[in-house]
Amino acid sequence: MEVKNALEPNEQQVAGFSDPDDSKAIYMVNLLKYRDRAEYPDGRDSELSGRDAYARYAAAVGDCLAAVGGSFVFAGTVRRLLLGEVEELWDDVAIAMYPSRAAMLEMIMSPTYQAIAEHRAAGLEGQLNIETVDSALGA
């Protein structure tokens, strides 16, 4: 299995996100890998670490989630890998709940979200975003 962190979805992933929305709540599992030093898209010089730049994004994105009926479910720092193997661990894990895929799309297209997204891009080297829904395992 090859694992590649990214900052933006590829064409196939965008197309899949456009599949008909069954209006089920989705839980986005975010595996986050930070840059050592923040790199802002506009080229500005920054003394922030990647983690600090992402923290600016995280502090503001909660309001964006709430505006579409979503919420943070969990955030934590990765300590070690207990099972399996990867070349490099992620730094943090965050899980956000959206009432539907359409709600997530509404959030990321909002001007408020767009204004804070620069901190996400500056702080992250890359991430994995895994869309999940409730399953029988949770029963």
C-alpha atoms as a PDB file:
ATOM      1  CA  MET A   1       0.000   0.000   0.000  1.00  0.00           C
ATOM      2  CA  GLU A   2       1.396   3.367  -0.997  1.00  0.00           C
ATOM      3  CA  VAL A   3       0.324   6.362   1.093  1.00  0.00           C
ATOM      4  CA  LYS A   4       0.478   9.903  -0.298  1.00  0.00           C
ATOM      5  CA  ASN A   5      -0.466  12.960   1.730  1.00  0.00           C
ATOM      6  CA  ALA A   6      -2.003  15.826  -0.251  1.00  0.00           C
ATOM      7  CA  LEU A   7      -3.424  19.312   0.233  1.00  0.00           C
ATOM      8  CA  GLU A   8      -6.101  19.181  -2.481  1.00  0.00           C
ATOM      9  CA  PRO A   9      -8.188  16.313  -3.890  1.00  0.00           C
ATOM     10  CA  ASN A  10      -7.383  14.869  -7.305  1.00  0.00           C
ATOM     11  CA  GLU A  11      -9.958  14.795 -10.138  1.00  0.00           C
ATOM     12  CA  GLN A  12     -11.203  11.311  -9.264  1.00  0.00           C
ATOM     13  CA  GLN A  13     -11.714  12.301  -5.627  1.00  0.00           C
ATOM     14  CA  VAL A  14     -13.582  15.474  -6.598  1.00  0.00           C
ATOM     15  CA  ALA A  15     -15.806  13.454  -8.924  1.00  0.00           C
ATOM     16  CA  GLY A  16     -16.555  10.956  -6.133  1.00  0.00           C
ATOM     17  CA  PHE A  17     -17.472  13.762  -3.768  1.00  0.00           C
ATOM     18  CA  SER A  18     -20.002  14.904  -6.360  1.00  0.00           C
ATOM     19  CA  ASP A  19     -21.807  11.532  -6.267  1.00  0.00           C
ATOM     20  CA  PRO A  20     -25.443  11.794  -5.186  1.00  0.00           C
ATOM     21  CA  ASP A  21     -25.644  12.770  -1.536  1.00  0.00           C
ATOM     22  CA  ASP A  22     -27.705  10.341   0.537  1.00  0.00           C
ATOM     23  CA  SER A  23     -27.965  13.019   3.242  1.00  0.00           C
ATOM     24  CA  LYS A  24     -26.281  10.766   5.802  1.00  0.00           C
ATOM     25  CA  ALA A  25     -23.987  12.390   8.302  1.00  0.00           C
ATOM     26  CA  ILE A  26     -20.328  11.976   7.353  1.00  0.00           C
ATOM     27  CA  TYR A  27     -17.351  11.878   9.665  1.00  0.00           C
ATOM     28  CA  MET A  28     -14.156  13.135   8.067  1.00  0.00           C
ATOM     29  CA  VAL A  29     -11.057  11.563   9.565  1.00  0.00           C
ATOM     30  CA  ASN A  30      -8.152  13.952   9.005  1.00  0.00           C
ATOM     31  CA  LEU A  31      -4.605  12.610   9.331  1.00  0.00           C
ATOM     32  CA  LEU A  32      -2.461  15.746   9.490  1.00  0.00           C
ATOM     33  CA  LYS A  33       1.231  16.187   8.666  1.00  0.00           C
ATOM     34  CA  TYR A  34       2.625  19.654   9.414  1.00  0.00           C
ATOM     35  CA  ARG A  35       5.368  21.597   7.707  1.00  0.00           C
ATOM     36  CA  ASP A  36       8.341  22.494   9.894  1.00  0.00           C
ATOM     37  CA  ARG A  37       7.748  26.151   9.028  1.00  0.00           C
ATOM     38  CA  ALA A  38       4.550  27.679   7.647  1.00  0.00           C
ATOM     39  CA  GLU A  39       4.573  28.475   3.918  1.00  0.00           C
ATOM     40  CA  TYR A  40       1.818  30.892   2.965  1.00  0.00           C
ATOM     41  CA  PRO A  41       0.486  30.698  -0.614  1.00  0.00           C
ATOM     42  CA  ASP A  42       1.075  34.440  -1.122  1.00  0.00           C
ATOM     43  CA  GLY A  43       4.783  34.027  -0.322  1.00  0.00           C
ATOM     44  CA  ARG A  44       4.778  36.153   2.840  1.00  0.00           C
ATOM     45  CA  ASP A  45       7.552  35.497   5.303  1.00  0.00           C
ATOM     46  CA  SER A  46       6.317  33.807   8.447  1.00  0.00           C
ATOM     47  CA  GLU A  47       7.976  32.828  11.699  1.00  0.00           C
ATOM     48  CA  LEU A  48       5.122  30.413  12.449  1.00  0.00           C
ATOM     49  CA  SER A  49       5.618  26.681  12.594  1.00  0.00           C
ATOM     50  CA  GLY A  50       3.289  24.608  10.440  1.00  0.00           C
ATOM     51  CA  ARG A  51       1.476  23.461  13.574  1.00  0.00           C
ATOM     52  CA  ASP A  52       0.977  27.097  14.682  1.00  0.00           C
ATOM     53  CA  ALA A  53      -0.377  28.151  11.280  1.00  0.00           C
ATOM     54  CA  TYR A  54      -2.779  25.195  11.279  1.00  0.00           C
ATOM     55  CA  ALA A  55      -3.841  26.106  14.840  1.00  0.00           C
ATOM     56  CA  ARG A  56      -5.034  29.472  13.466  1.00  0.00           C
ATOM     57  CA  TYR A  57      -7.160  27.588  10.947  1.00  0.00           C
ATOM     58  CA  ALA A  58      -8.440  25.153  13.594  1.00  0.00           C
ATOM     59  CA  ALA A  59      -9.428  27.989  15.933  1.00  0.00           C
ATOM     60  CA  ALA A  60     -11.681  29.499  13.251  1.00  0.00           C
ATOM     61  CA  VAL A  61     -13.015  26.444  11.425  1.00  0.00           C
ATOM     62  CA  GLY A  62     -15.257  25.432  14.335  1.00  0.00           C
ATOM     63  CA  ASP A  63     -17.547  28.380  13.565  1.00  0.00           C
ATOM     64  CA  CYS A  64     -17.641  27.303   9.900  1.00  0.00           C
ATOM     65  CA  LEU A  65     -18.591  23.770  10.936  1.00  0.00           C
ATOM     66  CA  ALA A  66     -21.317  25.034  13.257  1.00  0.00           C
ATOM     67  CA  ALA A  67     -22.748  27.253  10.507  1.00  0.00           C
ATOM     68  CA  VAL A  68     -23.569  24.144   8.437  1.00  0.00           C
ATOM     69  CA  GLY A  69     -24.666  21.987  11.387  1.00  0.00           C
ATOM     70  CA  GLY A  70     -21.348  20.195  11.846  1.00  0.00           C
ATOM     71  CA  SER A  71     -18.990  19.824  14.781  1.00  0.00           C
ATOM     72  CA  PHE A  72     -15.596  18.617  15.925  1.00  0.00           C
ATOM     73  CA  VAL A  73     -15.769  15.079  17.248  1.00  0.00           C
ATOM     74  CA  PHE A  74     -12.141  14.465  18.247  1.00  0.00           C
ATOM     75  CA  ALA A  75      -8.645  15.896  17.941  1.00  0.00           C
ATOM     76  CA  GLY A  76      -5.457  14.307  19.212  1.00  0.00           C
ATOM     77  CA  THR A  77      -1.720  14.035  18.739  1.00  0.00           C
ATOM     78  CA  VAL A  78      -0.316  10.844  17.198  1.00  0.00           C
ATOM     79  CA  ARG A  79       2.057   9.113  19.616  1.00  0.00           C
ATOM     80  CA  ARG A  80       2.970   5.839  17.968  1.00  0.00           C
ATOM     81  CA  LEU A  81       1.806   3.159  15.574  1.00  0.00           C
ATOM     82  CA  LEU A  82       0.485   0.101  17.375  1.00  0.00           C
ATOM     83  CA  LEU A  83      -0.324  -2.045  14.346  1.00  0.00           C
ATOM     84  CA  GLY A  84       0.856  -1.993  10.749  1.00  0.00           C
ATOM     85  CA  GLU A  85       3.610  -0.018   9.089  1.00  0.00           C
ATOM     86  CA  VAL A  86       3.977   3.356   7.393  1.00  0.00           C
ATOM     87  CA  GLU A  87       7.133   5.233   6.468  1.00  0.00           C
ATOM     88  CA  GLU A  88       6.259   8.249   8.592  1.00  0.00           C
ATOM     89  CA  LEU A  89       3.503   8.905  11.112  1.00  0.00           C
ATOM     90  CA  TRP A  90       1.101  11.815  10.919  1.00  0.00           C
ATOM     91  CA  ASP A  91       1.351  14.510  13.583  1.00  0.00           C
ATOM     92  CA  ASP A  92      -2.303  14.855  14.586  1.00  0.00           C
ATOM     93  CA  VAL A  93      -5.687  13.267  13.934  1.00  0.00           C
ATOM     94  CA  ALA A  94      -8.926  15.239  13.831  1.00  0.00           C
ATOM     95  CA  ILE A  95     -12.473  14.050  13.181  1.00  0.00           C
ATOM     96  CA  ALA A  96     -15.220  16.419  12.070  1.00  0.00           C
ATOM     97  CA  MET A  97     -18.902  15.581  11.616  1.00  0.00           C
ATOM     98  CA  TYR A  98     -20.949  17.106   8.814  1.00  0.00           C
ATOM     99  CA  PRO A  99     -24.699  16.457   8.586  1.00  0.00           C
ATOM    100  CA  SER A 100     -24.211  15.567   4.909  1.00  0.00           C
ATOM    101  CA  ARG A 101     -21.659  15.741   2.119  1.00  0.00           C
ATOM    102  CA  ALA A 102     -23.596  18.737   0.767  1.00  0.00           C
ATOM    103  CA  ALA A 103     -23.081  20.535   4.093  1.00  0.00           C
ATOM    104  CA  MET A 104     -19.325  20.000   3.869  1.00  0.00           C
ATOM    105  CA  LEU A 105     -19.294  21.342   0.326  1.00  0.00           C
ATOM    106  CA  GLU A 106     -21.338  24.358   1.435  1.00  0.00           C
ATOM    107  CA  MET A 107     -18.796  25.043   4.175  1.00  0.00           C
ATOM    108  CA  ILE A 108     -15.689  24.845   2.002  1.00  0.00           C
ATOM    109  CA  MET A 109     -17.277  27.121  -0.606  1.00  0.00           C
ATOM    110  CA  SER A 110     -18.256  29.793   1.948  1.00  0.00           C
ATOM    111  CA  PRO A 111     -16.358  33.107   1.956  1.00  0.00           C
ATOM    112  CA  THR A 112     -15.707  32.715   5.694  1.00  0.00           C
ATOM    113  CA  TYR A 113     -14.005  29.362   5.156  1.00  0.00           C
ATOM    114  CA  GLN A 114     -12.089  30.619   2.136  1.00  0.00           C
ATOM    115  CA  ALA A 115     -10.673  33.445   4.274  1.00  0.00           C
ATOM    116  CA  ILE A 116      -9.142  31.017   6.811  1.00  0.00           C
ATOM    117  CA  ALA A 117      -8.075  28.257   4.413  1.00  0.00           C
ATOM    118  CA  GLU A 118      -4.731  29.993   3.802  1.00  0.00           C
ATOM    119  CA  HIS A 119      -3.642  28.950   7.319  1.00  0.00           C
ATOM    120  CA  ARG A 120      -4.473  25.314   6.530  1.00  0.00           C
ATOM    121  CA  ALA A 121      -2.442  25.431   3.321  1.00  0.00           C
ATOM    122  CA  ALA A 122       0.449  27.219   5.044  1.00  0.00           C
ATOM    123  CA  GLY A 123       0.605  24.784   7.925  1.00  0.00           C
ATOM    124  CA  LEU A 124       0.144  21.415   6.271  1.00  0.00           C
ATOM    125  CA  GLU A 125       2.728  19.460   4.365  1.00  0.00           C
ATOM    126  CA  GLY A 126      -0.192  17.201   3.482  1.00  0.00           C
ATOM    127  CA  GLN A 127      -2.985  15.107   4.894  1.00  0.00           C
ATOM    128  CA  LEU A 128      -5.290  12.203   4.333  1.00  0.00           C
ATOM    129  CA  ASN A 129      -9.024  12.942   4.503  1.00  0.00           C
ATOM    130  CA  ILE A 130     -11.116   9.818   4.935  1.00  0.00           C
ATOM    131  CA  GLU A 131     -14.898  10.075   4.549  1.00  0.00           C
ATOM    132  CA  THR A 132     -16.754   7.680   6.847  1.00  0.00           C
ATOM    133  CA  VAL A 133     -20.400   7.025   7.752  1.00  0.00           C
ATOM    134  CA  ASP A 134     -22.014   5.151  10.633  1.00  0.00           C
ATOM    135  CA  SER A 135     -21.834   1.406  10.205  1.00  0.00           C
ATOM    136  CA  ALA A 136     -23.185  -1.707  11.872  1.00  0.00           C
ATOM    137  CA  LEU A 137     -19.887  -2.002  13.761  1.00  0.00           C
ATOM    138  CA  GLY A 138     -20.871   0.921  15.960  1.00  0.00           C
ATOM    139  CA  ALA A 139     -24.117  -0.738  17.062  1.00  0.00           C
END
